[in-house]
């Protein structure tokens, strides 16, 4: 199994700072869980502005958009937002 290094976009950090501590901890824990096997957490996919395919995982009412950079062994969390209900 490949362990990925977690990288988080600055915009995600700003969003996390706006949340209650419990929600922030829950999301960070899930980010770390995703690094162990990203494919297990891909609920659907979307494309970013550059056309790159991002996987999206819905957890605790939030949509987590991430990119598995296999070549660099990075899991890049690029966006977190409230999930559509």
N, C-alpha and C. Protein backbone atom coordinates (compact mmCIF):
# COMPACT_ATOMS: atom_id res chain seq x y z
N UNK A 1 0.84 -1.18 0.00
CA UNK A 1 0.00 0.00 0.00
C UNK A 1 0.89 1.25 0.00
N UNK A 2 0.49 2.22 -0.78
CA UNK A 2 1.23 3.48 -0.88
C UNK A 2 0.65 4.48 0.11
N UNK A 3 1.50 5.08 0.90
CA UNK A 3 1.07 6.18 1.77
C UNK A 3 1.34 7.48 1.05
N UNK A 4 0.35 8.32 0.99
CA UNK A 4 0.48 9.61 0.33
C UNK A 4 0.78 10.70 1.36
N UNK A 5 1.52 11.68 0.94
CA UNK A 5 1.75 12.86 1.76
C UNK A 5 0.57 13.80 1.54
N UNK A 6 0.02 14.33 2.62
CA UNK A 6 -1.14 15.20 2.55
C UNK A 6 -0.70 16.64 2.31
N UNK A 7 -1.25 17.25 1.27
CA UNK A 7 -1.05 18.66 0.97
C UNK A 7 -2.43 19.30 0.89
N UNK A 8 -2.58 20.46 1.53
CA UNK A 8 -3.88 21.11 1.62
C UNK A 8 -3.75 22.53 1.07
N UNK A 9 -4.65 22.89 0.17
CA UNK A 9 -4.66 24.23 -0.42
C UNK A 9 -4.94 25.29 0.65
N UNK A 10 -4.36 26.45 0.45
CA UNK A 10 -4.55 27.55 1.39
C UNK A 10 -6.03 27.89 1.57
N UNK A 11 -6.80 27.87 0.51
CA UNK A 11 -8.23 28.18 0.59
C UNK A 11 -8.95 27.19 1.51
N UNK A 12 -8.49 25.95 1.51
CA UNK A 12 -9.08 24.95 2.39
C UNK A 12 -8.74 25.26 3.85
N UNK A 13 -7.52 25.68 4.10
CA UNK A 13 -7.11 26.06 5.45
C UNK A 13 -7.99 27.21 5.96
N UNK A 14 -8.21 28.21 5.11
CA UNK A 14 -9.06 29.35 5.48
C UNK A 14 -10.48 28.86 5.80
N UNK A 15 -11.00 27.96 4.97
CA UNK A 15 -12.34 27.42 5.22
C UNK A 15 -12.37 26.65 6.54
N UNK A 16 -11.38 25.81 6.78
CA UNK A 16 -11.33 25.04 8.02
C UNK A 16 -11.31 25.96 9.24
N UNK A 17 -10.58 27.06 9.14
CA UNK A 17 -10.51 28.02 10.25
C UNK A 17 -11.85 28.63 10.59
N UNK A 18 -12.78 28.63 9.64
CA UNK A 18 -14.10 29.22 9.87
C UNK A 18 -15.07 28.24 10.54
N UNK A 19 -14.66 26.98 10.68
CA UNK A 19 -15.55 25.95 11.22
C UNK A 19 -15.40 25.80 12.73
N UNK A 20 -16.38 25.17 13.33
CA UNK A 20 -16.28 24.79 14.74
C UNK A 20 -15.17 23.77 14.87
N UNK A 21 -14.53 23.74 16.02
CA UNK A 21 -13.38 22.85 16.25
C UNK A 21 -13.72 21.38 15.95
N UNK A 22 -14.90 20.93 16.36
CA UNK A 22 -15.27 19.52 16.14
C UNK A 22 -15.34 19.19 14.65
N UNK A 23 -15.93 20.09 13.85
CA UNK A 23 -16.01 19.86 12.40
C UNK A 23 -14.62 19.88 11.77
N UNK A 24 -13.80 20.82 12.20
CA UNK A 24 -12.44 20.93 11.67
C UNK A 24 -11.66 19.64 11.95
N UNK A 25 -11.73 19.14 13.17
CA UNK A 25 -11.02 17.91 13.53
C UNK A 25 -11.54 16.72 12.74
N UNK A 26 -12.85 16.65 12.58
CA UNK A 26 -13.46 15.54 11.82
C UNK A 26 -12.97 15.55 10.38
N UNK A 27 -12.91 16.72 9.76
CA UNK A 27 -12.45 16.81 8.37
C UNK A 27 -10.97 16.48 8.24
N UNK A 28 -10.15 17.00 9.13
CA UNK A 28 -8.71 16.71 9.06
C UNK A 28 -8.46 15.22 9.26
N UNK A 29 -9.19 14.61 10.17
CA UNK A 29 -9.06 13.15 10.36
C UNK A 29 -9.40 12.42 9.07
N UNK A 30 -10.47 12.88 8.39
CA UNK A 30 -10.85 12.22 7.14
C UNK A 30 -9.80 12.45 6.05
N UNK A 31 -9.22 13.65 5.98
CA UNK A 31 -8.14 13.89 5.01
C UNK A 31 -7.04 12.84 5.19
N UNK A 32 -6.65 12.61 6.44
CA UNK A 32 -5.59 11.65 6.73
C UNK A 32 -6.01 10.23 6.37
N UNK A 33 -7.28 9.90 6.59
CA UNK A 33 -7.78 8.58 6.20
C UNK A 33 -7.73 8.40 4.70
N UNK A 34 -8.05 9.43 3.97
CA UNK A 34 -8.04 9.36 2.50
C UNK A 34 -6.63 9.06 1.99
N UNK A 35 -5.60 9.55 2.66
CA UNK A 35 -4.22 9.32 2.19
C UNK A 35 -3.86 7.85 2.15
N UNK A 36 -4.51 7.02 2.95
CA UNK A 36 -4.16 5.61 2.96
C UNK A 36 -4.65 4.86 1.73
N UNK A 37 -5.79 5.25 1.18
CA UNK A 37 -6.31 4.59 -0.02
C UNK A 37 -7.33 5.50 -0.69
N UNK A 38 -6.88 6.49 -1.46
CA UNK A 38 -7.78 7.50 -2.03
C UNK A 38 -8.94 6.94 -2.85
N UNK A 39 -8.72 5.88 -3.58
CA UNK A 39 -9.78 5.34 -4.45
C UNK A 39 -11.01 4.90 -3.65
N UNK A 40 -10.82 4.52 -2.41
CA UNK A 40 -11.96 4.11 -1.57
C UNK A 40 -12.86 5.28 -1.19
N UNK A 41 -12.38 6.49 -1.38
CA UNK A 41 -13.12 7.67 -0.93
C UNK A 41 -13.64 8.52 -2.09
N UNK A 42 -13.57 8.03 -3.29
CA UNK A 42 -14.03 8.78 -4.47
C UNK A 42 -15.51 8.49 -4.69
N UNK A 43 -16.36 9.38 -4.20
CA UNK A 43 -17.80 9.20 -4.38
C UNK A 43 -18.25 9.62 -5.78
N UNK A 44 -17.63 10.65 -6.32
CA UNK A 44 -17.88 11.09 -7.69
C UNK A 44 -16.70 11.94 -8.12
N UNK A 45 -16.69 12.36 -9.37
CA UNK A 45 -15.59 13.21 -9.85
C UNK A 45 -16.14 14.47 -10.51
N UNK A 46 -15.27 15.46 -10.57
CA UNK A 46 -15.56 16.72 -11.25
C UNK A 46 -14.26 17.23 -11.83
N UNK A 47 -14.31 18.29 -12.59
CA UNK A 47 -13.10 18.86 -13.19
C UNK A 47 -12.86 20.26 -12.65
N UNK A 48 -11.60 20.58 -12.42
CA UNK A 48 -11.27 21.93 -11.96
C UNK A 48 -11.13 22.86 -13.15
N UNK A 49 -10.78 24.11 -12.91
CA UNK A 49 -10.69 25.13 -13.97
C UNK A 49 -9.65 24.76 -15.03
N UNK A 50 -8.64 23.98 -14.65
CA UNK A 50 -7.60 23.57 -15.59
C UNK A 50 -7.98 22.30 -16.35
N UNK A 51 -9.16 21.74 -16.05
CA UNK A 51 -9.60 20.53 -16.72
C UNK A 51 -9.13 19.24 -16.06
N UNK A 52 -8.44 19.36 -14.93
CA UNK A 52 -7.94 18.19 -14.22
C UNK A 52 -9.09 17.51 -13.50
N UNK A 53 -9.11 16.20 -13.55
CA UNK A 53 -10.15 15.42 -12.88
C UNK A 53 -9.85 15.37 -11.38
N UNK A 54 -10.84 15.77 -10.58
CA UNK A 54 -10.74 15.70 -9.13
C UNK A 54 -11.74 14.67 -8.61
N UNK A 55 -11.33 13.91 -7.62
CA UNK A 55 -12.26 13.03 -6.93
C UNK A 55 -12.91 13.82 -5.82
N UNK A 56 -14.16 13.51 -5.53
CA UNK A 56 -14.88 14.20 -4.48
C UNK A 56 -15.45 13.16 -3.52
N UNK A 57 -15.25 13.42 -2.24
CA UNK A 57 -15.76 12.54 -1.19
C UNK A 57 -16.69 13.37 -0.30
N UNK A 58 -17.86 12.84 -0.02
CA UNK A 58 -18.81 13.52 0.85
C UNK A 58 -18.72 12.90 2.24
N UNK A 59 -18.47 13.78 3.23
CA UNK A 59 -18.31 13.32 4.61
C UNK A 59 -18.85 14.36 5.57
N UNK A 60 -19.73 13.95 6.46
CA UNK A 60 -20.26 14.79 7.53
C UNK A 60 -20.84 16.11 7.00
N UNK A 61 -21.47 16.05 5.83
CA UNK A 61 -22.11 17.23 5.26
C UNK A 61 -21.19 18.12 4.44
N UNK A 62 -19.97 17.69 4.19
CA UNK A 62 -19.00 18.46 3.41
C UNK A 62 -18.52 17.65 2.21
N UNK A 63 -18.28 18.35 1.11
CA UNK A 63 -17.70 17.74 -0.09
C UNK A 63 -16.22 18.08 -0.11
N UNK A 64 -15.39 17.06 -0.14
CA UNK A 64 -13.93 17.20 -0.14
C UNK A 64 -13.43 16.84 -1.53
N UNK A 65 -12.88 17.84 -2.25
CA UNK A 65 -12.35 17.60 -3.59
C UNK A 65 -10.84 17.41 -3.48
N UNK A 66 -10.35 16.30 -4.01
CA UNK A 66 -8.92 16.00 -3.90
C UNK A 66 -8.38 15.42 -5.19
N UNK A 67 -7.07 15.51 -5.30
CA UNK A 67 -6.36 14.98 -6.45
C UNK A 67 -5.27 14.05 -5.95
N UNK A 68 -5.30 12.84 -6.44
CA UNK A 68 -4.29 11.85 -6.11
C UNK A 68 -3.14 12.01 -7.11
N UNK A 69 -2.06 12.61 -6.67
CA UNK A 69 -0.89 12.81 -7.52
C UNK A 69 0.02 11.61 -7.33
N UNK A 70 -0.23 10.59 -8.14
CA UNK A 70 0.47 9.32 -7.99
C UNK A 70 1.97 9.47 -8.18
N UNK A 71 2.38 10.26 -9.17
CA UNK A 71 3.81 10.41 -9.48
C UNK A 71 4.60 10.98 -8.30
N UNK A 72 4.02 11.96 -7.60
CA UNK A 72 4.71 12.59 -6.47
C UNK A 72 4.32 11.99 -5.13
N UNK A 73 3.36 11.07 -5.13
CA UNK A 73 2.86 10.45 -3.90
C UNK A 73 2.24 11.49 -2.95
N UNK A 74 1.49 12.41 -3.55
CA UNK A 74 0.81 13.45 -2.79
C UNK A 74 -0.69 13.26 -2.92
N UNK A 75 -1.40 13.52 -1.85
CA UNK A 75 -2.85 13.66 -1.90
C UNK A 75 -3.11 15.13 -1.68
N UNK A 76 -3.65 15.78 -2.68
CA UNK A 76 -3.84 17.23 -2.64
C UNK A 76 -5.32 17.54 -2.43
N UNK A 77 -5.64 18.09 -1.26
CA UNK A 77 -7.00 18.52 -0.98
C UNK A 77 -7.12 19.94 -1.49
N UNK A 78 -7.92 20.12 -2.53
CA UNK A 78 -7.98 21.39 -3.23
C UNK A 78 -9.23 22.22 -2.90
N UNK A 79 -10.27 21.57 -2.37
CA UNK A 79 -11.49 22.31 -2.06
C UNK A 79 -12.30 21.54 -1.04
N UNK A 80 -12.92 22.27 -0.12
CA UNK A 80 -13.90 21.71 0.81
C UNK A 80 -15.06 22.70 0.86
N UNK A 81 -16.26 22.19 0.74
CA UNK A 81 -17.45 23.03 0.75
C UNK A 81 -18.61 22.24 1.33
N UNK A 82 -19.68 22.93 1.65
CA UNK A 82 -20.87 22.24 2.09
C UNK A 82 -21.38 21.35 0.96
N UNK A 83 -21.74 20.15 1.28
CA UNK A 83 -22.25 19.21 0.28
C UNK A 83 -23.69 19.57 -0.08
N UNK A 84 -24.05 19.35 -1.31
CA UNK A 84 -25.44 19.53 -1.73
C UNK A 84 -26.26 18.42 -1.10
N UNK A 85 -27.43 18.77 -0.65
CA UNK A 85 -28.28 17.76 -0.02
C UNK A 85 -29.28 17.21 -0.99
